[in-house]
Amino acid sequence: MSEKALSARIDALETRLTFQDATIEILNGTITEQWLKIDALTRQVAHLSERMQEAETQAPGATDETPPHY
């Protein structure tokens, strides 16, 4: 293999590596953002679940009663 061909091949590999590094950084940022959103949504669902349970326990009357028109 000639020196020129080897140099071109190394340049191509370096270009490819640079592109892959940039892609990995972008993907890492995307994953981090998604994780933060998922974490926030998980906490919000847990909070809403707690509020729903509190509302059910504080509701007047039993929820399993049949309506008076039956």
Protein backbone atom coordinates (compact mmCIF):
# COMPACT_ATOMS: atom_id res chain seq x y z
CA MET A 1 0.00 0.00 0.00
CA SER A 2 1.42 3.36 -0.96
CA GLU A 3 2.02 6.13 1.51
CA LYS A 4 -0.59 8.30 -0.23
CA ALA A 5 -3.27 5.61 0.01
CA LEU A 6 -2.40 4.94 3.64
CA SER A 7 -2.61 8.65 4.44
CA ALA A 8 -6.00 8.91 2.72
CA ARG A 9 -7.23 5.89 4.63
CA ILE A 10 -6.08 7.35 7.96
CA ASP A 11 -7.74 10.67 7.11
CA ALA A 12 -11.00 8.87 6.33
CA LEU A 13 -10.81 6.98 9.63
CA GLU A 14 -10.09 10.16 11.59
CA THR A 15 -13.02 11.91 9.91
CA ARG A 16 -15.27 8.98 10.72
CA LEU A 17 -14.09 8.91 14.33
CA THR A 18 -14.74 12.63 14.73
CA PHE A 19 -18.27 12.20 13.34
CA GLN A 20 -18.91 9.26 15.66
CA ASP A 21 -17.65 11.21 18.69
CA ALA A 22 -20.02 14.08 17.84
CA THR A 23 -22.90 11.64 17.38
CA ILE A 24 -22.18 10.00 20.73
CA GLU A 25 -22.18 13.39 22.47
CA ILE A 26 -25.53 14.29 20.88
CA LEU A 27 -27.03 10.94 21.86
CA ASN A 28 -25.70 11.32 25.40
CA GLY A 29 -27.34 14.74 25.69
CA THR A 30 -30.62 13.36 24.36
CA ILE A 31 -30.58 10.44 26.79
CA THR A 32 -29.80 12.75 29.69
CA GLU A 33 -32.73 15.04 28.78
CA GLN A 34 -35.06 12.06 28.45
CA TRP A 35 -33.95 10.65 31.79
CA LEU A 36 -34.64 13.97 33.49
CA LYS A 37 -38.11 14.14 31.92
CA ILE A 38 -38.88 10.53 32.86
CA ASP A 39 -37.71 11.18 36.42
CA ALA A 40 -39.89 14.29 36.71
CA LEU A 41 -42.91 12.46 35.28
CA THR A 42 -42.38 9.51 37.61
CA ARG A 43 -42.34 11.84 40.61
CA GLN A 44 -45.44 13.62 39.31
CA VAL A 45 -47.34 10.34 38.87
CA ALA A 46 -46.36 9.26 42.39
CA HIS A 47 -47.54 12.60 43.79
CA LEU A 48 -50.84 12.40 41.90
CA SER A 49 -51.33 8.82 43.07
CA GLU A 50 -50.86 9.93 46.67
CA ARG A 51 -53.33 12.78 46.19
CA MET A 52 -55.85 10.41 44.62
CA GLN A 53 -55.55 8.00 47.55
CA GLU A 54 -55.99 10.86 50.02
CA ALA A 55 -59.05 12.09 48.15
CA GLU A 56 -60.57 8.60 48.12
CA THR A 57 -60.07 8.14 51.86
CA GLN A 58 -61.50 11.58 52.65
CA ALA A 59 -64.49 11.26 50.34
CA PRO A 60 -67.81 11.30 52.16
CA GLY A 61 -69.76 8.04 52.02
CA ALA A 62 -68.69 4.72 50.65
CA THR A 63 -67.86 4.52 46.97
CA ASP A 64 -69.28 0.98 46.62
CA GLU A 65 -72.85 1.94 47.56
CA THR A 66 -75.51 1.42 44.97
CA PRO A 67 -77.21 4.60 43.84
CA PRO A 68 -80.62 5.32 45.49
CA HIS A 69 -82.56 4.90 42.23
CA TYR A 70 -81.76 1.15 42.01
